[in-house]
């Protein structure tokens, strides 16, 4: 059995060195009599209020983990990306570790919209958190088909994954073309009453230009950003490890890149921005909040620490309490002050 790493907990957490699994695979203990009220961690994404700003990145946390972790302590959950028709994903191998992270080429298998609504969505809805449905498409029209087919289903928000290849225009990511982004986003917004998040690709010359296109088309918030393209070779054969040859790099190695993109997007738009990329600790989360993000998404860290979202959420509360801050938003405004 692999040994569990014991690390000092965040400020205000139980004693340093305690096995993290004992703390975060179960609900937080109730506050004792006379304890100060818990800090208010709520954030808003349009009409959607989250109990705290911590949620998973699409595809990195699903209902199969819900029995193991206290999902009532996370801000929301985000589904794996849904396509209109069933798809099997990319050939194996689909994932491998890299220094300071991993690279994957899963290819987003999907049961199609019908299978998602019938078999998958009810399991997400059983979790004690708002459900944000990630939608994708290999052409502008497919996004709209997915939304039409989701009509009548119950969920709390939509995240539009515009990092999908546009087969109508040579396979380039839809998210690299501001006009295509605007068409997708405006079409999705016209088909739903729930908040619409747009997950941007990092592979653009100006993320601000794409972000503004999404905002002007009606996006409620922007998620920054998807994984970065890369390749890993087998050291024995010098051949690609992944069956698809290339994949998306994620994990701590990309945090500085994602942090800059988040900061740049915050400067460019007026809607909330959700930071995503390399977040695995409460300090990582505070870094993104400090540059203006309203919320954060956690991805690769789940593979080693499935309880990581609860750990971060409790860490946010502990930092606020230690600073005598009653609201997270007030505490964040003090970050960086001398």
Protein backbone atom coordinates (compact mmCIF):
# COMPACT_ATOMS: atom_id res chain seq x y z
CA UNK A 1 0.00 0.00 0.00
CA UNK A 2 1.28 3.47 -0.84
CA UNK A 3 2.14 5.56 2.19
CA UNK A 4 0.04 8.64 2.78
CA UNK A 5 2.01 11.87 2.71
CA UNK A 6 1.47 13.93 5.86
CA UNK A 7 1.74 17.65 5.35
CA UNK A 8 1.03 20.64 7.57
CA UNK A 9 -2.61 21.68 7.29
CA UNK A 10 -3.82 25.15 6.34
CA UNK A 11 -4.02 27.87 8.99
CA UNK A 12 -6.73 27.01 11.50
CA UNK A 13 -6.93 23.33 10.48
CA UNK A 14 -6.55 20.44 12.92
CA UNK A 15 -3.10 19.51 14.10
CA UNK A 16 -0.42 19.32 11.44
CA UNK A 17 0.50 15.78 10.51
CA UNK A 18 -3.01 14.36 10.80
CA UNK A 19 -3.88 11.87 8.08
CA UNK A 20 -5.74 13.98 5.49
CA UNK A 21 -8.04 11.08 4.63
CA UNK A 22 -9.47 11.11 8.15
CA UNK A 23 -10.34 14.79 7.77
CA UNK A 24 -11.66 15.12 4.25
CA UNK A 25 -13.34 11.82 3.40
CA UNK A 26 -16.02 12.73 5.94
CA UNK A 27 -18.19 15.74 6.62
CA UNK A 28 -16.69 18.49 8.72
CA UNK A 29 -17.41 18.11 12.45
CA UNK A 30 -20.13 20.41 13.78
CA UNK A 31 -19.02 23.64 15.41
CA UNK A 32 -18.93 23.53 19.19
CA UNK A 33 -21.21 25.55 21.42
CA UNK A 34 -20.30 29.22 21.43
CA UNK A 35 -18.16 28.92 18.29
CA UNK A 36 -17.98 31.93 16.00
CA UNK A 37 -20.20 31.76 12.88
CA UNK A 38 -18.50 30.16 9.89
CA UNK A 39 -17.18 32.68 7.34
CA UNK A 40 -19.45 33.37 4.38
CA UNK A 41 -17.75 31.81 1.35
CA UNK A 42 -20.60 32.37 -1.10
CA UNK A 43 -19.95 33.63 -4.63
CA UNK A 44 -22.32 34.45 -7.49
CA UNK A 45 -22.19 33.47 -11.14
CA UNK A 46 -25.09 35.43 -12.55
CA UNK A 47 -28.26 34.07 -10.99
CA UNK A 48 -26.43 31.06 -9.52
CA UNK A 49 -25.15 31.38 -5.95
CA UNK A 50 -22.51 28.86 -4.87
CA UNK A 51 -21.88 28.04 -1.20
CA UNK A 52 -18.17 28.46 -1.91
CA UNK A 53 -15.98 29.07 -4.99
CA UNK A 54 -14.59 25.52 -5.33
CA UNK A 55 -15.74 23.17 -8.08
CA UNK A 56 -14.18 20.42 -10.23
CA UNK A 57 -12.92 20.85 -13.75
CA UNK A 58 -15.06 18.97 -16.26
CA UNK A 59 -14.18 15.29 -16.51
CA UNK A 60 -12.13 15.17 -13.30
CA UNK A 61 -14.79 14.37 -10.70
CA UNK A 62 -17.93 12.34 -11.14
CA UNK A 63 -20.72 10.64 -9.23
CA UNK A 64 -18.56 7.57 -8.65
CA UNK A 65 -16.55 9.62 -6.13
CA UNK A 66 -19.56 11.17 -4.42
CA UNK A 67 -19.92 8.42 -1.77
CA UNK A 68 -16.32 8.99 -0.70
CA UNK A 69 -16.22 12.76 -0.18
CA UNK A 70 -18.50 15.38 1.40
CA UNK A 71 -19.98 16.90 -1.75
CA UNK A 72 -22.17 19.17 0.38
CA UNK A 73 -18.98 21.16 1.01
CA UNK A 74 -18.18 22.02 -2.62
CA UNK A 75 -19.57 24.94 -4.56
CA UNK A 76 -20.82 23.01 -7.58
CA UNK A 77 -20.09 19.99 -9.70
CA UNK A 78 -19.31 20.05 -13.44
CA UNK A 79 -20.15 17.10 -15.67
CA UNK A 80 -17.98 15.51 -18.31
CA UNK A 81 -18.58 17.20 -21.66
CA UNK A 82 -21.73 15.98 -23.42
CA UNK A 83 -21.92 15.60 -27.21
CA UNK A 84 -25.03 15.08 -29.29
CA UNK A 85 -24.16 11.53 -30.30
CA UNK A 86 -22.43 8.60 -28.63
CA UNK A 87 -18.63 8.63 -29.02
CA UNK A 88 -15.97 6.28 -27.73
CA UNK A 89 -13.03 8.60 -27.18
CA UNK A 90 -9.42 8.21 -28.29
CA UNK A 91 -7.33 5.02 -28.53
CA UNK A 92 -5.33 3.85 -25.52
CA UNK A 93 -3.10 4.78 -23.78
CA UNK A 94 -5.07 7.83 -22.79
CA UNK A 95 -3.17 9.22 -19.81
CA UNK A 96 0.34 9.31 -18.40
CA UNK A 97 2.14 11.15 -15.66
CA UNK A 98 4.60 13.92 -16.46
CA UNK A 99 6.90 15.91 -14.18
CA UNK A 100 4.61 18.15 -12.09
CA UNK A 101 1.41 16.90 -13.69
CA UNK A 102 0.01 14.64 -16.35
CA UNK A 103 -0.93 14.54 -20.01
CA UNK A 104 -4.16 13.01 -21.25
CA UNK A 105 -5.86 12.27 -24.53
CA UNK A 106 -9.10 10.74 -23.32
CA UNK A 107 -11.07 12.15 -26.23
CA UNK A 108 -14.16 12.80 -24.09
CA UNK A 109 -16.24 9.62 -24.47
CA UNK A 110 -19.95 10.44 -24.38
CA UNK A 111 -23.21 8.52 -24.22
CA UNK A 112 -24.79 11.22 -26.33
CA UNK A 113 -27.40 13.60 -25.04
CA UNK A 114 -30.11 10.95 -24.64
CA UNK A 115 -27.84 8.62 -22.67
CA UNK A 116 -26.57 11.50 -20.56
CA UNK A 117 -30.05 12.65 -19.58
CA UNK A 118 -31.24 9.12 -18.90
CA UNK A 119 -28.21 7.55 -17.17
CA UNK A 120 -25.71 10.18 -16.06
CA UNK A 121 -27.50 13.40 -15.10
CA UNK A 122 -29.65 11.78 -12.38
CA UNK A 123 -26.47 10.61 -10.63
CA UNK A 124 -25.06 14.14 -10.67
CA UNK A 125 -28.35 15.55 -9.40
CA UNK A 126 -28.19 13.14 -6.45
CA UNK A 127 -25.03 14.91 -5.29
CA UNK A 128 -25.47 17.71 -2.76
CA UNK A 129 -24.23 20.47 -5.07
CA UNK A 130 -25.49 22.51 -8.03
CA UNK A 131 -24.95 20.74 -11.36
CA UNK A 132 -23.25 22.52 -14.26
CA UNK A 133 -23.52 20.58 -17.52
CA UNK A 134 -20.52 20.80 -19.86
CA UNK A 135 -21.56 20.78 -23.52
CA UNK A 136 -19.37 20.27 -26.59
CA UNK A 137 -19.56 20.01 -30.33
CA UNK A 138 -17.44 19.30 -33.38
CA UNK A 139 -19.31 22.03 -35.27
CA UNK A 140 -21.20 25.11 -34.19
CA UNK A 141 -24.53 23.42 -34.86
CA UNK A 142 -23.78 20.46 -32.59
CA UNK A 143 -23.67 22.68 -29.50
CA UNK A 144 -27.12 23.93 -30.35
CA UNK A 145 -28.40 20.41 -30.97
CA UNK A 146 -27.16 19.35 -27.53
CA UNK A 147 -28.95 22.29 -25.93
CA UNK A 148 -32.16 21.50 -27.81
CA UNK A 149 -31.96 17.89 -26.64
CA UNK A 150 -31.34 18.99 -23.04
CA UNK A 151 -34.62 20.92 -23.04
CA UNK A 152 -36.69 19.77 -20.10
CA UNK A 153 -33.74 18.34 -18.17
CA UNK A 154 -32.99 19.85 -14.75
CA UNK A 155 -29.57 21.39 -14.11
CA UNK A 156 -28.24 24.62 -12.65
CA UNK A 157 -25.82 25.92 -15.26
CA UNK A 158 -24.07 25.18 -18.56
CA UNK A 159 -20.36 25.27 -19.33
CA UNK A 160 -19.64 25.54 -23.05
CA UNK A 161 -16.41 23.73 -23.93
CA UNK A 162 -15.13 25.65 -26.96
CA UNK A 163 -11.82 23.74 -27.05
CA UNK A 164 -13.38 21.12 -29.32
CA UNK A 165 -11.99 20.86 -32.89
CA UNK A 166 -14.18 22.51 -35.52
CA UNK A 167 -14.50 19.91 -38.27
CA UNK A 168 -16.13 22.51 -40.50
CA UNK A 169 -12.93 24.55 -40.56
CA UNK A 170 -9.95 22.19 -40.72
CA UNK A 171 -10.09 20.91 -37.15
CA UNK A 172 -8.93 24.09 -35.42
CA UNK A 173 -10.36 24.60 -31.94
CA UNK A 174 -13.62 26.50 -32.10
CA UNK A 175 -12.31 28.58 -29.23
CA UNK A 176 -9.54 30.07 -31.36
CA UNK A 177 -12.07 31.90 -33.55
CA UNK A 178 -13.90 34.77 -31.81
CA UNK A 179 -16.67 34.72 -34.43
CA UNK A 180 -17.29 31.00 -33.95
CA UNK A 181 -17.26 31.45 -30.17
CA UNK A 182 -19.84 34.22 -30.47
CA UNK A 183 -22.11 32.05 -32.63
CA UNK A 184 -21.90 29.13 -30.24
CA UNK A 185 -22.42 31.20 -27.10
CA UNK A 186 -25.30 33.27 -28.46
CA UNK A 187 -27.02 30.09 -29.64
CA UNK A 188 -26.61 28.39 -26.26
CA UNK A 189 -27.79 31.46 -24.34
CA UNK A 190 -30.92 31.63 -26.52
CA UNK A 191 -31.77 28.04 -25.58
CA UNK A 192 -31.55 28.13 -21.78
CA UNK A 193 -32.49 30.22 -18.76
CA UNK A 194 -29.59 29.03 -16.58
CA UNK A 195 -26.19 30.76 -16.36
CA UNK A 196 -23.86 30.00 -19.29
CA UNK A 197 -20.15 29.59 -18.55
CA UNK A 198 -17.67 29.40 -21.43
CA UNK A 199 -14.46 27.38 -21.00
CA UNK A 200 -11.75 29.03 -23.08
CA UNK A 201 -8.78 27.42 -24.79
CA UNK A 202 -5.34 28.72 -23.78
CA UNK A 203 -4.01 28.41 -27.33
CA UNK A 204 -4.85 31.86 -28.66
CA UNK A 205 -2.76 34.94 -29.38
CA UNK A 206 -5.17 37.14 -27.40
CA UNK A 207 -7.38 35.50 -24.81
CA UNK A 208 -8.91 38.91 -24.14
CA UNK A 209 -10.31 39.08 -27.67
CA UNK A 210 -11.98 35.68 -27.38
CA UNK A 211 -13.19 36.46 -23.86
CA UNK A 212 -14.83 39.68 -25.02
CA UNK A 213 -16.52 37.84 -27.89
CA UNK A 214 -18.02 35.37 -25.42
CA UNK A 215 -19.09 38.13 -23.05
CA UNK A 216 -20.75 40.15 -25.81
CA UNK A 217 -22.58 37.01 -26.95
CA UNK A 218 -24.17 36.67 -23.52
CA UNK A 219 -21.82 34.52 -21.44
CA UNK A 220 -22.49 34.71 -17.71
CA UNK A 221 -18.92 33.76 -16.74
CA UNK A 222 -15.70 32.48 -18.31
CA UNK A 223 -13.56 29.51 -17.27
CA UNK A 224 -9.83 29.97 -17.91
CA UNK A 225 -8.51 27.69 -19.17
CA UNK A 226 -8.48 24.24 -20.70
CA UNK A 227 -5.33 22.08 -20.79
CA UNK A 228 -2.24 22.92 -22.85
CA UNK A 229 -1.26 20.72 -25.83
CA UNK A 230 1.80 18.54 -25.36
CA UNK A 231 3.46 15.19 -26.02
CA UNK A 232 5.16 12.50 -23.93
CA UNK A 233 7.56 9.85 -25.25
CA UNK A 234 8.35 6.41 -23.90
CA UNK A 235 12.04 6.60 -22.85
CA UNK A 236 12.68 3.08 -24.14
CA UNK A 237 11.14 3.36 -27.58
CA UNK A 238 11.13 7.14 -28.11
CA UNK A 239 7.61 6.73 -29.40
CA UNK A 240 4.56 8.66 -28.14
CA UNK A 241 3.05 7.16 -25.00
CA UNK A 242 -0.47 8.25 -25.86
CA UNK A 243 -2.50 6.38 -28.43
CA UNK A 244 -3.46 9.73 -29.96
CA UNK A 245 0.22 10.85 -29.90
CA UNK A 246 -0.59 14.26 -28.41
CA UNK A 247 -2.73 15.32 -25.47
CA UNK A 248 -3.50 18.01 -22.93
CA UNK A 249 -0.98 18.88 -20.23
CA UNK A 250 -2.38 19.73 -16.79
CA UNK A 251 -1.31 19.86 -13.18
CA UNK A 252 1.03 22.09 -11.16
CA UNK A 253 3.35 22.71 -14.14
CA UNK A 254 0.69 24.80 -15.92
CA UNK A 255 -0.37 26.92 -12.96
CA UNK A 256 1.78 29.99 -13.81
CA UNK A 257 0.45 29.90 -17.38
CA UNK A 258 -3.18 29.57 -16.30
CA UNK A 259 -2.74 32.25 -13.65
CA UNK A 260 -1.52 34.76 -16.24
CA UNK A 261 -4.38 33.91 -18.57
CA UNK A 262 -6.88 34.30 -15.73
CA UNK A 263 -5.43 37.70 -14.84
CA UNK A 264 -5.51 38.81 -18.50
CA UNK A 265 -9.14 37.71 -18.86
CA UNK A 266 -10.18 39.54 -15.70
CA UNK A 267 -8.66 42.71 -17.18
CA UNK A 268 -10.56 42.23 -20.44
CA UNK A 269 -14.13 41.51 -19.32
CA UNK A 270 -16.70 42.48 -16.72
CA UNK A 271 -18.25 39.05 -16.13
CA UNK A 272 -16.96 36.64 -13.45
CA UNK A 273 -13.89 34.56 -14.31
CA UNK A 274 -13.28 31.03 -13.00
CA UNK A 275 -9.59 30.13 -12.70
CA UNK A 276 -8.53 26.63 -13.72
CA UNK A 277 -5.08 25.11 -14.11
CA UNK A 278 -2.69 23.56 -11.60
CA UNK A 279 -4.81 24.22 -8.50
CA UNK A 280 -4.15 21.68 -5.77
CA UNK A 281 -3.92 23.64 -2.50
CA UNK A 282 -5.69 26.47 -0.71
CA UNK A 283 -2.73 28.73 -1.54
CA UNK A 284 -3.18 27.96 -5.23
CA UNK A 285 -6.86 28.89 -4.94
CA UNK A 286 -6.02 32.16 -3.20
CA UNK A 287 -3.54 33.01 -5.97
CA UNK A 288 -6.32 32.83 -8.55
CA UNK A 289 -8.75 34.73 -6.34
CA UNK A 290 -6.06 37.38 -5.76
CA UNK A 291 -5.77 38.12 -9.50
CA UNK A 292 -9.52 38.58 -9.76
CA UNK A 293 -11.06 35.15 -10.25
CA UNK A 294 -14.49 34.72 -8.67
CA UNK A 295 -14.20 30.92 -8.37
CA UNK A 296 -11.77 28.09 -9.11
CA UNK A 297 -11.88 24.66 -10.70
CA UNK A 298 -9.75 21.74 -9.54
CA UNK A 299 -8.75 19.01 -11.98
CA UNK A 300 -5.61 16.85 -11.92
CA UNK A 301 -5.24 17.02 -8.11
CA UNK A 302 -8.26 14.70 -7.78
CA UNK A 303 -6.24 11.78 -9.15
CA UNK A 304 -3.99 11.77 -6.08
CA UNK A 305 -6.33 13.36 -3.52
CA UNK A 306 -10.02 12.80 -4.29
CA UNK A 307 -10.90 14.87 -1.21
CA UNK A 308 -9.00 17.94 -2.48
CA UNK A 309 -12.06 20.17 -3.02
CA UNK A 310 -13.23 19.75 0.57
CA UNK A 311 -9.67 20.37 1.73
CA UNK A 312 -9.49 23.64 -0.21
CA UNK A 313 -12.96 24.80 0.83
CA UNK A 314 -12.20 24.22 4.49
CA UNK A 315 -8.85 25.92 4.04
CA UNK A 316 -10.55 29.02 2.63
CA UNK A 317 -12.82 29.15 5.66
CA UNK A 318 -9.92 28.61 8.04
CA UNK A 319 -7.87 31.43 6.53
CA UNK A 320 -10.83 33.80 6.76
CA UNK A 321 -11.50 32.83 10.37
CA UNK A 322 -7.84 33.28 11.31
CA UNK A 323 -7.98 36.80 9.86
CA UNK A 324 -11.29 37.59 11.61
CA UNK A 325 -12.89 38.03 8.19
CA UNK A 326 -16.59 37.18 8.09
CA UNK A 327 -16.77 37.04 4.27
CA UNK A 328 -14.37 35.49 1.78
CA UNK A 329 -14.89 38.33 -0.70
CA UNK A 330 -13.79 40.84 1.96
CA UNK A 331 -10.71 38.78 2.81
CA UNK A 332 -9.69 38.42 -0.83
CA UNK A 333 -9.71 42.20 -1.21
CA UNK A 334 -6.95 42.38 1.43
CA UNK A 335 -4.64 39.98 -0.40
CA UNK A 336 -1.52 41.68 -1.67
CA UNK A 337 -1.89 44.65 0.66
CA UNK A 338 1.26 45.70 2.48
